[in-house]
């Protein structure tokens, strides 16, 4: 597994955890343990996204950081197979 794949897997893992925590909290809104888990997962997700962006570029167009040029279309998209080829 490439470093890009590992970074994307980490984002996806915490995205899944957040969705699960959200569903649980919808039915158990007073659960302190679930709320603590949710906040920890939010931090981990944000950290994973930032790490991915820093090392491999944006995951979606809202994360383009350049003010001089549109970089969203540079390189391959995370879901494209050629992103997985190590050079």
Protein backbone atom coordinates (compact mmCIF):
# COMPACT_ATOMS: atom_id res chain seq x y z
CA UNK A 1 0.00 0.00 0.00
CA UNK A 2 1.39 3.41 -0.97
CA UNK A 3 1.66 6.34 1.42
CA UNK A 4 -1.16 8.06 -0.50
CA UNK A 5 -3.39 5.01 -0.06
CA UNK A 6 -2.58 4.86 3.64
CA UNK A 7 -3.39 8.55 4.09
CA UNK A 8 -6.67 8.21 2.19
CA UNK A 9 -7.58 5.10 4.20
CA UNK A 10 -7.03 7.07 7.41
CA UNK A 11 -9.38 9.82 6.20
CA UNK A 12 -11.99 7.23 5.23
CA UNK A 13 -11.66 5.41 8.55
CA UNK A 14 -12.32 8.52 10.61
CA UNK A 15 -15.10 9.61 8.26
CA UNK A 16 -16.80 6.28 8.92
CA UNK A 17 -16.25 6.63 12.68
CA UNK A 18 -17.83 10.09 12.62
CA UNK A 19 -20.86 8.83 10.72
CA UNK A 20 -21.32 5.99 13.20
CA UNK A 21 -20.93 8.33 16.18
CA UNK A 22 -23.47 10.67 14.61
CA UNK A 23 -26.02 7.89 14.22
CA UNK A 24 -25.47 6.70 17.79
CA UNK A 25 -25.75 10.23 19.20
CA UNK A 26 -29.01 10.74 17.31
CA UNK A 27 -30.56 8.04 19.49
CA UNK A 28 -28.42 8.55 22.63
CA UNK A 29 -27.87 12.33 22.82
CA UNK A 30 -26.98 12.31 26.51
CA UNK A 31 -24.22 9.71 26.24
CA UNK A 32 -21.09 11.40 27.58
CA UNK A 33 -18.92 8.51 26.35
CA UNK A 34 -20.30 8.79 22.80
CA UNK A 35 -19.91 12.56 22.77
CA UNK A 36 -16.30 12.27 23.94
CA UNK A 37 -15.68 9.67 21.23
CA UNK A 38 -17.26 11.96 18.63
CA UNK A 39 -15.02 14.90 19.58
CA UNK A 40 -11.92 12.69 19.49
CA UNK A 41 -12.94 11.35 16.07
CA UNK A 42 -13.52 14.90 14.74
CA UNK A 43 -9.98 15.85 15.76
CA UNK A 44 -8.51 12.69 14.22
CA UNK A 45 -10.52 13.21 11.02
CA UNK A 46 -9.43 16.84 10.68
CA UNK A 47 -5.81 15.88 11.32
CA UNK A 48 -6.02 13.08 8.72
CA UNK A 49 -7.56 15.40 6.13
CA UNK A 50 -4.93 18.07 6.76
CA UNK A 51 -2.13 15.51 6.47
CA UNK A 52 -3.56 14.25 3.18
CA UNK A 53 -3.94 17.78 1.78
CA UNK A 54 -0.41 18.74 2.80
CA UNK A 55 1.18 15.66 1.26
CA UNK A 56 -1.03 14.81 -1.71
CA UNK A 57 -3.30 17.76 -2.49
CA UNK A 58 -6.96 18.52 -1.90
CA UNK A 59 -9.60 15.84 -1.49
CA UNK A 60 -12.26 18.16 -2.89
CA UNK A 61 -12.34 21.53 -4.60
CA UNK A 62 -13.13 23.44 -1.39
CA UNK A 63 -9.66 22.59 -0.11
CA UNK A 64 -7.68 24.32 -2.87
CA UNK A 65 -5.24 26.57 -1.04
CA UNK A 66 -3.54 28.41 -3.92
CA UNK A 67 -4.64 31.98 -4.57
CA UNK A 68 -2.61 32.26 -7.80
CA UNK A 69 -3.76 29.27 -9.83
CA UNK A 70 -6.52 26.66 -9.82
CA UNK A 71 -4.77 23.51 -8.59
CA UNK A 72 -7.82 21.24 -8.27
CA UNK A 73 -7.24 19.75 -11.70
CA UNK A 74 -3.51 19.16 -11.26
CA UNK A 75 -2.40 15.59 -10.84
CA UNK A 76 -4.82 12.73 -10.38
CA UNK A 77 -7.87 12.56 -8.19
CA UNK A 78 -7.73 10.41 -5.02
CA UNK A 79 -10.21 7.92 -6.49
CA UNK A 80 -8.24 7.43 -9.74
CA UNK A 81 -6.12 4.32 -9.99
CA UNK A 82 -2.99 6.03 -11.29
CA UNK A 83 -2.68 7.87 -7.99
CA UNK A 84 -1.66 4.56 -6.54
CA UNK A 85 1.40 4.18 -8.76
CA UNK A 86 4.60 5.07 -6.97
CA UNK A 87 7.18 6.90 -9.06
